Amino acid sequence: MADVLREARLGVAGRRQTLLRWGLVGVLLLPLLLGGYPLYLATEAALLGLAAVALSLLLGHGGVPSLGQAAFLGLGAYALGLALKAGLPLWLALLLAPLASAALALLTGLLVFRTHGIFILMLTLAFGQMVYSAAHKWTALTGGDDGLSLSGLTVSQVVLHLVAVGVLLAVVSGLRALLQTPYGKTLEAIRQNEEKTRSLGVPTFYYKLSMYLLTAAITGLAGGGLALHRGFISPHDLFWLTSATLMVMVLLGGSRGLWGRSSAPYFTPLCKPGSARLPTCGFICGRSAGADGAVCPRGAVAPAGALPGREPWPRLR
């Protein structure tokens, strides 16, 4: 009887997760029919979702809190903008965006991961604010408080939206596959008990650093996409409040799932115009985004065989 009940629960959970996954894809593609401002908001949501998914990997599966993601987002945007201003082709500028963010992550990660816990959070915040200050004061390069304009660049909003959604879905699927590999299982072990994992001979420092580089590159790519989407780069995108916003998106999307993180940013820009006309719109949208985490705590896609409320991987004792 217990086996029958378990199979029934797994079937219900599987159907629910499939429905949520396809519902998310439909919500992301629906603005193509509406066009105009809804399409603009949906594209921004998809790009912010890409950055939130990167932070999801870092925080939910690596156990590394970070308030410096805005630095990678902004650096990717500036790298793309400056490359285009220098006359480089678009494909090369898009390649430089994640590379520049990964280079910054390498320089800062060598120091960040010498510490643990709250000190990592404070160091990432400090490094992020240093990058923001440099972008704000280096007027000759970044334009300072006036920002950097890409007004001469014309990009089809429909094509950009399709590419953004495609990259988002590809990254989520790729990271989910990565978490099922020995590398992903090692990251899970480090998150649960780093000392015991290190005692088994695992170089935890390099595992965390490589994960940090990967998430920085994804965030930098999202920043480059936002620069193309908005046609303008502002140093205020590097401020720590952007990192805090990404953290809220991650928390709204569920405790550990990647798909939930990609859905929460959709509600964030969508509620901005509505909240000005209806005071309760922000509350309604926030509750709707949080419903994903309430219905499926690990996101819309849970590991195979995991039941709601159960830990899918054994904890290290």
C-alpha atoms as a PDB file:
ATOM      1  CA  MET A   1       0.000   0.000   0.000  1.00  0.00           C
ATOM      2  CA  ALA A   2       2.834   2.366   0.845  1.00  0.00           C
ATOM      3  CA  ASP A   3       4.440   1.728  -2.554  1.00  0.00           C
ATOM      4  CA  VAL A   4       1.148   2.436  -4.320  1.00  0.00           C
ATOM      5  CA  LEU A   5       0.703   5.709  -2.447  1.00  0.00           C
ATOM      6  CA  ARG A   6       4.269   6.709  -3.211  1.00  0.00           C
ATOM      7  CA  GLU A   7       3.820   6.030  -6.930  1.00  0.00           C
ATOM      8  CA  ALA A   8       0.577   8.004  -6.919  1.00  0.00           C
ATOM      9  CA  ARG A   9       2.279  10.965  -5.253  1.00  0.00           C
ATOM     10  CA  LEU A  10       5.143  10.803  -7.745  1.00  0.00           C
ATOM     11  CA  GLY A  11       2.666  10.776 -10.639  1.00  0.00           C
ATOM     12  CA  VAL A  12       0.793  13.796  -9.317  1.00  0.00           C
ATOM     13  CA  ALA A  13       4.050  15.664  -8.630  1.00  0.00           C
ATOM     14  CA  GLY A  14       5.353  14.845 -12.112  1.00  0.00           C
ATOM     15  CA  ARG A  15       2.195  16.103 -13.826  1.00  0.00           C
ATOM     16  CA  ARG A  16       2.216  19.265 -11.736  1.00  0.00           C
ATOM     17  CA  GLN A  17       5.864  19.976 -12.544  1.00  0.00           C
ATOM     18  CA  THR A  18       5.299  19.386 -16.268  1.00  0.00           C
ATOM     19  CA  LEU A  19       2.329  21.771 -16.207  1.00  0.00           C
ATOM     20  CA  LEU A  20       4.366  24.435 -14.410  1.00  0.00           C
ATOM     21  CA  ARG A  21       7.263  24.076 -16.839  1.00  0.00           C
ATOM     22  CA  TRP A  22       5.118  24.479 -19.938  1.00  0.00           C
ATOM     23  CA  GLY A  23       3.161  27.246 -18.245  1.00  0.00           C
ATOM     24  CA  LEU A  24       6.403  29.158 -17.708  1.00  0.00           C
ATOM     25  CA  VAL A  25       7.402  28.709 -21.357  1.00  0.00           C
ATOM     26  CA  GLY A  26       3.969  29.913 -22.442  1.00  0.00           C
ATOM     27  CA  VAL A  27       4.147  32.978 -20.191  1.00  0.00           C
ATOM     28  CA  LEU A  28       7.539  33.892 -21.616  1.00  0.00           C
ATOM     29  CA  LEU A  29       6.356  33.521 -25.225  1.00  0.00           C
ATOM     30  CA  LEU A  30       2.925  35.142 -24.801  1.00  0.00           C
ATOM     31  CA  PRO A  31       4.261  38.746 -25.101  1.00  0.00           C
ATOM     32  CA  LEU A  32       5.219  37.988 -28.724  1.00  0.00           C
ATOM     33  CA  LEU A  33       1.513  38.192 -29.507  1.00  0.00           C
ATOM     34  CA  LEU A  34       1.068  41.441 -27.574  1.00  0.00           C
ATOM     35  CA  GLY A  35       4.140  43.324 -28.757  1.00  0.00           C
ATOM     36  CA  GLY A  36       5.008  46.826 -27.580  1.00  0.00           C
ATOM     37  CA  TYR A  37       5.668  47.443 -23.906  1.00  0.00           C
ATOM     38  CA  PRO A  38       4.619  43.945 -22.698  1.00  0.00           C
ATOM     39  CA  LEU A  39       7.249  42.489 -25.041  1.00  0.00           C
ATOM     40  CA  TYR A  40       9.837  44.914 -23.656  1.00  0.00           C
ATOM     41  CA  LEU A  41       9.033  43.889 -20.072  1.00  0.00           C
ATOM     42  CA  ALA A  42       9.065  40.190 -20.879  1.00  0.00           C
ATOM     43  CA  THR A  43      12.482  40.450 -22.545  1.00  0.00           C
ATOM     44  CA  GLU A  44      13.878  42.236 -19.515  1.00  0.00           C
ATOM     45  CA  ALA A  45      12.353  39.567 -17.277  1.00  0.00           C
ATOM     46  CA  ALA A  46      13.990  36.775 -19.266  1.00  0.00           C
ATOM     47  CA  LEU A  47      17.393  38.461 -19.020  1.00  0.00           C
ATOM     48  CA  LEU A  48      16.998  39.124 -15.303  1.00  0.00           C
ATOM     49  CA  GLY A  49      15.890  35.508 -14.968  1.00  0.00           C
ATOM     50  CA  LEU A  50      19.204  34.444 -16.480  1.00  0.00           C
ATOM     51  CA  ALA A  51      21.080  36.384 -13.790  1.00  0.00           C
ATOM     52  CA  ALA A  52      18.783  34.991 -11.080  1.00  0.00           C
ATOM     53  CA  VAL A  53      19.409  31.426 -12.249  1.00  0.00           C
ATOM     54  CA  ALA A  54      23.163  32.028 -11.953  1.00  0.00           C
ATOM     55  CA  LEU A  55      22.735  33.274  -8.390  1.00  0.00           C
ATOM     56  CA  SER A  56      20.475  30.277  -7.746  1.00  0.00           C
ATOM     57  CA  LEU A  57      23.330  27.915  -8.584  1.00  0.00           C
ATOM     58  CA  LEU A  58      25.728  29.879  -6.408  1.00  0.00           C
ATOM     59  CA  LEU A  59      23.463  30.186  -3.385  1.00  0.00           C
ATOM     60  CA  GLY A  60      21.115  27.209  -3.525  1.00  0.00           C
ATOM     61  CA  HIS A  61      23.509  24.537  -4.750  1.00  0.00           C
ATOM     62  CA  GLY A  62      26.878  25.897  -3.695  1.00  0.00           C
ATOM     63  CA  GLY A  63      25.901  27.476  -0.411  1.00  0.00           C
ATOM     64  CA  VAL A  64      27.747  30.683  -1.310  1.00  0.00           C
ATOM     65  CA  PRO A  65      25.863  33.921  -0.517  1.00  0.00           C
ATOM     66  CA  SER A  66      26.773  36.873  -2.714  1.00  0.00           C
ATOM     67  CA  LEU A  67      25.833  40.530  -2.818  1.00  0.00           C
ATOM     68  CA  GLY A  68      28.252  41.319  -5.622  1.00  0.00           C
ATOM     69  CA  GLN A  69      26.353  39.925  -8.599  1.00  0.00           C
ATOM     70  CA  ALA A  70      25.514  43.453  -9.750  1.00  0.00           C
ATOM     71  CA  ALA A  71      29.211  43.968 -10.507  1.00  0.00           C
ATOM     72  CA  PHE A  72      29.197  41.039 -12.950  1.00  0.00           C
ATOM     73  CA  LEU A  73      25.921  42.193 -14.480  1.00  0.00           C
ATOM     74  CA  GLY A  74      27.163  45.751 -14.979  1.00  0.00           C
ATOM     75  CA  LEU A  75      30.644  44.743 -16.121  1.00  0.00           C
ATOM     76  CA  GLY A  76      29.140  42.500 -18.787  1.00  0.00           C
ATOM     77  CA  ALA A  77      27.000  45.393 -19.970  1.00  0.00           C
ATOM     78  CA  TYR A  78      29.931  47.822 -20.074  1.00  0.00           C
ATOM     79  CA  ALA A  79      32.182  45.272 -21.795  1.00  0.00           C
ATOM     80  CA  LEU A  80      29.627  44.846 -24.570  1.00  0.00           C
ATOM     81  CA  GLY A  81      28.952  48.572 -24.849  1.00  0.00           C
ATOM     82  CA  LEU A  82      32.611  49.575 -24.997  1.00  0.00           C
ATOM     83  CA  ALA A  83      33.373  46.806 -27.488  1.00  0.00           C
ATOM     84  CA  LEU A  84      30.616  48.029 -29.785  1.00  0.00           C
ATOM     85  CA  LYS A  85      31.826  51.606 -29.387  1.00  0.00           C
ATOM     86  CA  ALA A  86      35.294  50.427 -30.440  1.00  0.00           C
ATOM     87  CA  GLY A  87      33.836  49.003 -33.657  1.00  0.00           C
ATOM     88  CA  LEU A  88      33.967  45.303 -32.790  1.00  0.00           C
ATOM     89  CA  PRO A  89      31.292  43.020 -34.277  1.00  0.00           C
ATOM     90  CA  LEU A  90      28.285  42.128 -32.148  1.00  0.00           C
ATOM     91  CA  TRP A  91      29.187  38.439 -31.760  1.00  0.00           C
ATOM     92  CA  LEU A  92      32.613  39.338 -30.404  1.00  0.00           C
ATOM     93  CA  ALA A  93      31.127  41.919 -28.024  1.00  0.00           C
ATOM     94  CA  LEU A  94      28.690  39.290 -26.724  1.00  0.00           C
ATOM     95  CA  LEU A  95      31.637  36.966 -26.143  1.00  0.00           C
ATOM     96  CA  LEU A  96      33.600  39.620 -24.250  1.00  0.00           C
ATOM     97  CA  ALA A  97      30.727  40.269 -21.827  1.00  0.00           C
ATOM     98  CA  PRO A  98      30.901  36.908 -19.982  1.00  0.00           C
ATOM     99  CA  LEU A  99      34.691  36.782 -20.305  1.00  0.00           C
ATOM    100  CA  ALA A 100      35.112  40.150 -18.591  1.00  0.00           C
ATOM    101  CA  SER A 101      32.799  39.146 -15.744  1.00  0.00           C
ATOM    102  CA  ALA A 102      34.586  35.796 -15.349  1.00  0.00           C
ATOM    103  CA  ALA A 103      37.943  37.596 -15.194  1.00  0.00           C
ATOM    104  CA  LEU A 104      36.649  39.815 -12.381  1.00  0.00           C
ATOM    105  CA  ALA A 105      35.291  36.742 -10.596  1.00  0.00           C
ATOM    106  CA  LEU A 106      38.703  35.083 -10.832  1.00  0.00           C
ATOM    107  CA  LEU A 107      40.473  38.092  -9.310  1.00  0.00           C
ATOM    108  CA  THR A 108      37.981  38.514  -6.479  1.00  0.00           C
ATOM    109  CA  GLY A 109      37.261  34.819  -5.928  1.00  0.00           C
ATOM    110  CA  LEU A 110      40.884  34.084  -5.052  1.00  0.00           C
ATOM    111  CA  LEU A 111      40.349  36.294  -1.997  1.00  0.00           C
ATOM    112  CA  VAL A 112      36.660  35.691  -1.311  1.00  0.00           C
ATOM    113  CA  PHE A 113      36.958  31.935  -0.862  1.00  0.00           C
ATOM    114  CA  ARG A 114      39.719  32.254   1.689  1.00  0.00           C
ATOM    115  CA  THR A 115      36.904  33.048   4.119  1.00  0.00           C
ATOM    116  CA  HIS A 116      33.558  31.457   5.016  1.00  0.00           C
ATOM    117  CA  GLY A 117      29.967  32.336   5.876  1.00  0.00           C
ATOM    118  CA  ILE A 118      29.021  35.948   6.477  1.00  0.00           C
ATOM    119  CA  PHE A 119      32.522  37.111   5.533  1.00  0.00           C
ATOM    120  CA  ILE A 120      31.937  35.924   1.949  1.00  0.00           C
ATOM    121  CA  LEU A 121      28.771  38.006   1.840  1.00  0.00           C
ATOM    122  CA  MET A 122      30.589  41.108   3.085  1.00  0.00           C
ATOM    123  CA  LEU A 123      33.553  40.659   0.747  1.00  0.00           C
ATOM    124  CA  THR A 124      31.358  40.232  -2.330  1.00  0.00           C
ATOM    125  CA  LEU A 125      29.448  43.348  -1.286  1.00  0.00           C
ATOM    126  CA  ALA A 126      32.704  45.289  -0.846  1.00  0.00           C
ATOM    127  CA  PHE A 127      34.119  44.224  -4.215  1.00  0.00           C
ATOM    128  CA  GLY A 128      30.818  44.994  -5.903  1.00  0.00           C
ATOM    129  CA  GLN A 129      30.760  48.494  -4.466  1.00  0.00           C
ATOM    130  CA  MET A 130      34.352  49.045  -5.576  1.00  0.00           C
ATOM    131  CA  VAL A 131      33.368  48.242  -9.163  1.00  0.00           C
ATOM    132  CA  TYR A 132      30.330  50.515  -8.870  1.00  0.00           C
ATOM    133  CA  SER A 133      32.493  53.373  -7.573  1.00  0.00           C
ATOM    134  CA  ALA A 134      34.985  52.916 -10.409  1.00  0.00           C
ATOM    135  CA  ALA A 135      32.223  52.929 -13.041  1.00  0.00           C
ATOM    136  CA  HIS A 136      30.608  55.976 -11.453  1.00  0.00           C
ATOM    137  CA  LYS A 137      33.815  58.037 -11.288  1.00  0.00           C
ATOM    138  CA  TRP A 138      35.627  56.923 -14.453  1.00  0.00           C
ATOM    139  CA  THR A 139      33.744  59.407 -16.601  1.00  0.00           C
ATOM    140  CA  ALA A 140      36.098  59.241 -19.586  1.00  0.00           C
ATOM    141  CA  LEU A 141      35.435  55.521 -20.066  1.00  0.00           C
ATOM    142  CA  THR A 142      31.958  54.821 -18.710  1.00  0.00           C
ATOM    143  CA  GLY A 143      30.296  58.216 -19.035  1.00  0.00           C
ATOM    144  CA  GLY A 144      29.977  58.475 -15.266  1.00  0.00           C
ATOM    145  CA  ASP A 145      26.537  59.242 -13.933  1.00  0.00           C
ATOM    146  CA  ASP A 146      25.319  59.997 -17.476  1.00  0.00           C
ATOM    147  CA  GLY A 147      25.894  56.390 -18.482  1.00  0.00           C
ATOM    148  CA  LEU A 148      26.779  54.950 -21.878  1.00  0.00           C
ATOM    149  CA  SER A 149      24.348  55.200 -24.782  1.00  0.00           C
ATOM    150  CA  LEU A 150      23.998  52.579 -27.529  1.00  0.00           C
ATOM    151  CA  SER A 151      21.437  54.591 -29.466  1.00  0.00           C
ATOM    152  CA  GLY A 152      23.098  53.893 -32.811  1.00  0.00           C
ATOM    153  CA  LEU A 153      22.491  50.151 -32.477  1.00  0.00           C
ATOM    154  CA  THR A 154      19.253  48.694 -33.854  1.00  0.00           C
ATOM    155  CA  VAL A 155      18.137  45.268 -32.628  1.00  0.00           C
ATOM    156  CA  SER A 156      14.801  43.616 -33.365  1.00  0.00           C
ATOM    157  CA  GLN A 157      12.872  43.269 -30.105  1.00  0.00           C
ATOM    158  CA  VAL A 158      11.186  40.075 -31.304  1.00  0.00           C
ATOM    159  CA  VAL A 159      14.499  38.432 -32.190  1.00  0.00           C
ATOM    160  CA  LEU A 160      16.073  39.615 -28.941  1.00  0.00           C
ATOM    161  CA  HIS A 161      13.180  38.204 -26.930  1.00  0.00           C
ATOM    162  CA  LEU A 162      13.360  34.827 -28.665  1.00  0.00           C
ATOM    163  CA  VAL A 163      17.120  34.669 -28.148  1.00  0.00           C
ATOM    164  CA  ALA A 164      16.797  35.692 -24.491  1.00  0.00           C
ATOM    165  CA  VAL A 165      14.141  33.055 -23.783  1.00  0.00           C
ATOM    166  CA  GLY A 166      16.108  30.427 -25.715  1.00  0.00           C
ATOM    167  CA  VAL A 167      19.317  31.163 -23.813  1.00  0.00           C
ATOM    168  CA  LEU A 168      17.428  31.151 -20.502  1.00  0.00           C
ATOM    169  CA  LEU A 169      15.872  27.746 -21.167  1.00  0.00           C
ATOM    170  CA  ALA A 170      19.183  26.359 -22.452  1.00  0.00           C
ATOM    171  CA  VAL A 171      21.086  27.577 -19.383  1.00  0.00           C
ATOM    172  CA  VAL A 172      18.485  26.167 -16.977  1.00  0.00           C
ATOM    173  CA  SER A 173      18.518  22.796 -18.740  1.00  0.00           C
ATOM    174  CA  GLY A 174      22.308  22.780 -18.901  1.00  0.00           C
ATOM    175  CA  LEU A 175      22.731  23.615 -15.224  1.00  0.00           C
ATOM    176  CA  ARG A 176      20.207  20.951 -14.233  1.00  0.00           C
ATOM    177  CA  ALA A 177      22.212  18.402 -16.223  1.00  0.00           C
ATOM    178  CA  LEU A 178      25.432  19.685 -14.649  1.00  0.00           C
ATOM    179  CA  LEU A 179      24.032  19.178 -11.151  1.00  0.00           C
ATOM    180  CA  GLN A 180      23.463  15.494 -11.926  1.00  0.00           C
ATOM    181  CA  THR A 181      27.137  14.957 -12.801  1.00  0.00           C
ATOM    182  CA  PRO A 182      29.883  14.086 -10.278  1.00  0.00           C
ATOM    183  CA  TYR A 183      30.841  17.771 -10.330  1.00  0.00           C
ATOM    184  CA  GLY A 184      27.325  18.791  -9.305  1.00  0.00           C
ATOM    185  CA  LYS A 185      27.147  16.116  -6.627  1.00  0.00           C
ATOM    186  CA  THR A 186      30.454  17.365  -5.236  1.00  0.00           C
ATOM    187  CA  LEU A 187      29.060  20.899  -5.049  1.00  0.00           C
ATOM    188  CA  GLU A 188      26.076  19.505  -3.144  1.00  0.00           C
ATOM    189  CA  ALA A 189      28.393  17.729  -0.727  1.00  0.00           C
ATOM    190  CA  ILE A 190      30.357  20.946  -0.183  1.00  0.00           C
ATOM    191  CA  ARG A 191      27.143  22.831   0.521  1.00  0.00           C
ATOM    192  CA  GLN A 192      26.027  20.268   3.091  1.00  0.00           C
ATOM    193  CA  ASN A 193      29.334  19.750   4.901  1.00  0.00           C
ATOM    194  CA  GLU A 194      32.426  21.417   3.500  1.00  0.00           C
ATOM    195  CA  GLU A 195      34.793  20.240   6.240  1.00  0.00           C
ATOM    196  CA  LYS A 196      33.913  16.576   5.793  1.00  0.00           C
ATOM    197  CA  THR A 197      34.141  16.906   2.020  1.00  0.00           C
ATOM    198  CA  ARG A 198      37.574  18.478   2.342  1.00  0.00           C
ATOM    199  CA  SER A 199      38.673  15.677   4.669  1.00  0.00           C
ATOM    200  CA  LEU A 200      37.920  13.213   1.833  1.00  0.00           C
ATOM    201  CA  GLY A 201      40.581  14.915  -0.274  1.00  0.00           C
ATOM    202  CA  VAL A 202      38.276  17.109  -2.377  1.00  0.00           C
ATOM    203  CA  PRO A 203      39.806  20.521  -3.270  1.00  0.00           C
ATOM    204  CA  THR A 204      36.731  22.484  -2.185  1.00  0.00           C
ATOM    205  CA  PHE A 205      38.398  25.847  -2.837  1.00  0.00           C
ATOM    206  CA  TYR A 206      38.768  25.164  -6.557  1.00  0.00           C
ATOM    207  CA  TYR A 207      35.286  23.688  -6.843  1.00  0.00           C
ATOM    208  CA  LYS A 208      33.747  26.812  -5.354  1.00  0.00           C
ATOM    209  CA  LEU A 209      35.973  29.071  -7.436  1.00  0.00           C
ATOM    210  CA  SER A 210      35.011  27.308 -10.672  1.00  0.00           C
ATOM    211  CA  MET A 211      31.319  27.605  -9.755  1.00  0.00           C
ATOM    212  CA  TYR A 212      31.862  31.298  -9.015  1.00  0.00           C
ATOM    213  CA  LEU A 213      33.443  31.800 -12.451  1.00  0.00           C
ATOM    214  CA  LEU A 214      30.575  29.987 -14.163  1.00  0.00           C
ATOM    215  CA  THR A 215      27.886  32.042 -12.438  1.00  0.00           C
ATOM    216  CA  ALA A 216      29.786  35.272 -13.122  1.00  0.00           C
ATOM    217  CA  ALA A 217      30.014  34.427 -16.835  1.00  0.00           C
ATOM    218  CA  ILE A 218      26.265  33.715 -17.005  1.00  0.00           C
ATOM    219  CA  THR A 219      25.513  36.959 -15.164  1.00  0.00           C
ATOM    220  CA  GLY A 220      27.832  38.887 -17.484  1.00  0.00           C
ATOM    221  CA  LEU A 221      26.009  37.448 -20.488  1.00  0.00           C
ATOM    222  CA  ALA A 222      22.725  38.607 -18.960  1.00  0.00           C
ATOM    223  CA  GLY A 223      24.236  42.065 -18.486  1.00  0.00           C
ATOM    224  CA  GLY A 224      25.281  42.206 -22.127  1.00  0.00           C
ATOM    225  CA  GLY A 225      21.764  41.237 -23.147  1.00  0.00           C
ATOM    226  CA  LEU A 226      20.289  43.961 -20.959  1.00  0.00           C
ATOM    227  CA  ALA A 227      22.605  46.515 -22.586  1.00  0.00           C
ATOM    228  CA  LEU A 228      21.350  45.506 -26.043  1.00  0.00           C
ATOM    229  CA  HIS A 229      17.777  45.477 -24.817  1.00  0.00           C
ATOM    230  CA  ARG A 230      17.788  48.885 -23.151  1.00  0.00           C
ATOM    231  CA  GLY A 231      20.223  50.620 -25.492  1.00  0.00           C
ATOM    232  CA  PHE A 232      21.711  52.321 -22.449  1.00  0.00           C
ATOM    233  CA  ILE A 233      24.119  51.348 -19.655  1.00  0.00           C
ATOM    234  CA  SER A 234      23.928  53.041 -16.274  1.00  0.00           C
ATOM    235  CA  PRO A 235      26.444  52.744 -13.429  1.00  0.00           C
ATOM    236  CA  HIS A 236      23.503  52.463 -11.049  1.00  0.00           C
ATOM    237  CA  ASP A 237      22.964  48.932 -12.372  1.00  0.00           C
ATOM    238  CA  LEU A 238      26.182  48.055 -10.514  1.00  0.00           C
ATOM    239  CA  PHE A 239      24.866  49.322  -7.175  1.00  0.00           C
ATOM    240  CA  TRP A 240      24.334  46.749  -4.421  1.00  0.00           C
ATOM    241  CA  LEU A 241      20.541  47.144  -4.584  1.00  0.00           C
ATOM    242  CA  THR A 242      20.625  45.309  -7.921  1.00  0.00           C
ATOM    243  CA  SER A 243      22.299  42.373  -6.160  1.00  0.00           C
ATOM    244  CA  ALA A 244      19.661  42.537  -3.427  1.00  0.00           C
ATOM    245  CA  THR A 245      16.915  42.480  -6.069  1.00  0.00           C
ATOM    246  CA  LEU A 246      18.428  39.355  -7.630  1.00  0.00           C
ATOM    247  CA  MET A 247      18.588  37.777  -4.175  1.00  0.00           C
ATOM    248  CA  VAL A 248      14.876  38.482  -3.651  1.00  0.00           C
ATOM    249  CA  MET A 249      14.128  36.917  -7.041  1.00  0.00           C
ATOM    250  CA  VAL A 250      16.018  33.800  -6.007  1.00  0.00           C
ATOM    251  CA  LEU A 251      14.117  33.567  -2.720  1.00  0.00           C
ATOM    252  CA  LEU A 252      10.778  34.047  -4.504  1.00  0.00           C
ATOM    253  CA  GLY A 253      11.527  31.311  -6.990  1.00  0.00           C
ATOM    254  CA  GLY A 254      11.745  28.481  -4.448  1.00  0.00           C
ATOM    255  CA  SER A 255      14.365  27.172  -2.096  1.00  0.00           C
ATOM    256  CA  ARG A 256      16.498  25.157  -4.532  1.00  0.00           C
ATOM    257  CA  GLY A 257      14.947  24.828  -8.000  1.00  0.00           C
ATOM    258  CA  LEU A 258      16.334  26.583 -11.075  1.00  0.00           C
ATOM    259  CA  TRP A 259      13.088  26.919 -13.041  1.00  0.00           C
ATOM    260  CA  GLY A 260      11.422  28.818 -10.210  1.00  0.00           C
ATOM    261  CA  ARG A 261      14.191  31.408 -10.264  1.00  0.00           C
ATOM    262  CA  SER A 262      13.621  31.965 -13.962  1.00  0.00           C
ATOM    263  CA  SER A 263       9.904  32.643 -13.383  1.00  0.00           C
ATOM    264  CA  ALA A 264      10.110  35.094 -10.456  1.00  0.00           C
ATOM    265  CA  PRO A 265      11.819  37.906 -12.453  1.00  0.00           C
ATOM    266  CA  TYR A 266       8.897  37.884 -14.897  1.00  0.00           C
ATOM    267  CA  PHE A 267       6.656  39.422 -12.239  1.00  0.00           C
ATOM    268  CA  THR A 268       9.150  42.048 -11.086  1.00  0.00           C
ATOM    269  CA  PRO A 269       9.204  44.385 -14.127  1.00  0.00           C
ATOM    270  CA  LEU A 270       5.620  43.487 -15.032  1.00  0.00           C
ATOM    271  CA  CYS A 271       4.285  44.907 -11.768  1.00  0.00           C
ATOM    272  CA  LYS A 272       6.022  48.285 -12.081  1.00  0.00           C
ATOM    273  CA  PRO A 273       3.449  50.025 -14.307  1.00  0.00           C
ATOM    274  CA  GLY A 274       0.510  48.355 -12.565  1.00  0.00           C
ATOM    275  CA  SER A 275       1.595  49.295  -9.055  1.00  0.00           C
ATOM    276  CA  ALA A 276       1.461  52.978  -9.979  1.00  0.00           C
ATOM    277  CA  ARG A 277      -2.241  52.699 -10.798  1.00  0.00           C
ATOM    278  CA  LEU A 278      -3.299  50.037  -8.282  1.00  0.00           C
ATOM    279  CA  PRO A 279      -1.616  49.960  -4.852  1.00  0.00           C
ATOM    280  CA  THR A 280      -2.349  46.254  -4.365  1.00  0.00           C
ATOM    281  CA  CYS A 281      -0.853  45.240  -7.725  1.00  0.00           C
ATOM    282  CA  GLY A 282       2.638  44.832  -6.269  1.00  0.00           C
ATOM    283  CA  PHE A 283       1.287  42.613  -3.496  1.00  0.00           C
ATOM    284  CA  ILE A 284      -0.699  40.472  -5.962  1.00  0.00           C
ATOM    285  CA  CYS A 285       2.267  40.033  -8.289  1.00  0.00           C
ATOM    286  CA  GLY A 286       4.572  39.230  -5.387  1.00  0.00           C
ATOM    287  CA  ARG A 287       2.198  36.561  -4.122  1.00  0.00           C
ATOM    288  CA  SER A 288       1.888  35.119  -7.622  1.00  0.00           C
ATOM    289  CA  ALA A 289       5.656  34.871  -7.967  1.00  0.00           C
ATOM    290  CA  GLY A 290       5.945  33.293  -4.531  1.00  0.00           C
ATOM    291  CA  ALA A 291       3.311  30.688  -5.410  1.00  0.00           C
ATOM    292  CA  ASP A 292       5.950  28.757  -7.328  1.00  0.00           C
ATOM    293  CA  GLY A 293       8.028  28.403  -4.189  1.00  0.00           C
ATOM    294  CA  ALA A 294       4.977  27.503  -2.097  1.00  0.00           C
ATOM    295  CA  VAL A 295       3.647  24.859  -4.487  1.00  0.00           C
ATOM    296  CA  CYS A 296       7.048  23.385  -5.330  1.00  0.00           C
ATOM    297  CA  PRO A 297       9.713  24.399  -2.772  1.00  0.00           C
ATOM    298  CA  ARG A 298      12.628  23.254  -4.943  1.00  0.00           C
ATOM    299  CA  GLY A 299      11.217  24.986  -8.021  1.00  0.00           C
ATOM    300  CA  ALA A 300       9.039  23.756 -10.848  1.00  0.00           C
ATOM    301  CA  VAL A 301      11.474  20.939 -11.603  1.00  0.00           C
ATOM    302  CA  ALA A 302      12.592  18.675  -8.776  1.00  0.00           C
ATOM    303  CA  PRO A 303      15.200  15.927  -9.051  1.00  0.00           C
ATOM    304  CA  ALA A 304      13.865  12.622 -10.269  1.00  0.00           C
ATOM    305  CA  GLY A 305      12.311  10.598  -7.491  1.00  0.00           C
ATOM    306  CA  ALA A 306      12.080  13.476  -5.053  1.00  0.00           C
ATOM    307  CA  LEU A 307       8.811  13.942  -3.224  1.00  0.00           C
ATOM    308  CA  PRO A 308       7.577  17.355  -2.087  1.00  0.00           C
ATOM    309  CA  GLY A 309       8.992  18.160   1.314  1.00  0.00           C
ATOM    310  CA  ARG A 310      11.672  15.437   1.090  1.00  0.00           C
ATOM    311  CA  GLU A 311      15.394  16.026   0.659  1.00  0.00           C
ATOM    312  CA  PRO A 312      16.356  14.355  -2.656  1.00  0.00           C
ATOM    313  CA  TRP A 313      20.010  13.850  -1.735  1.00  0.00           C
ATOM    314  CA  PRO A 314      21.277  12.228   1.470  1.00  0.00           C
ATOM    315  CA  ARG A 315      22.943  14.617   3.857  1.00  0.00           C
ATOM    316  CA  LEU A 316      26.515  14.068   4.983  1.00  0.00           C
ATOM    317  CA  ARG A 317      26.739  13.500   8.700  1.00  0.00           C
END
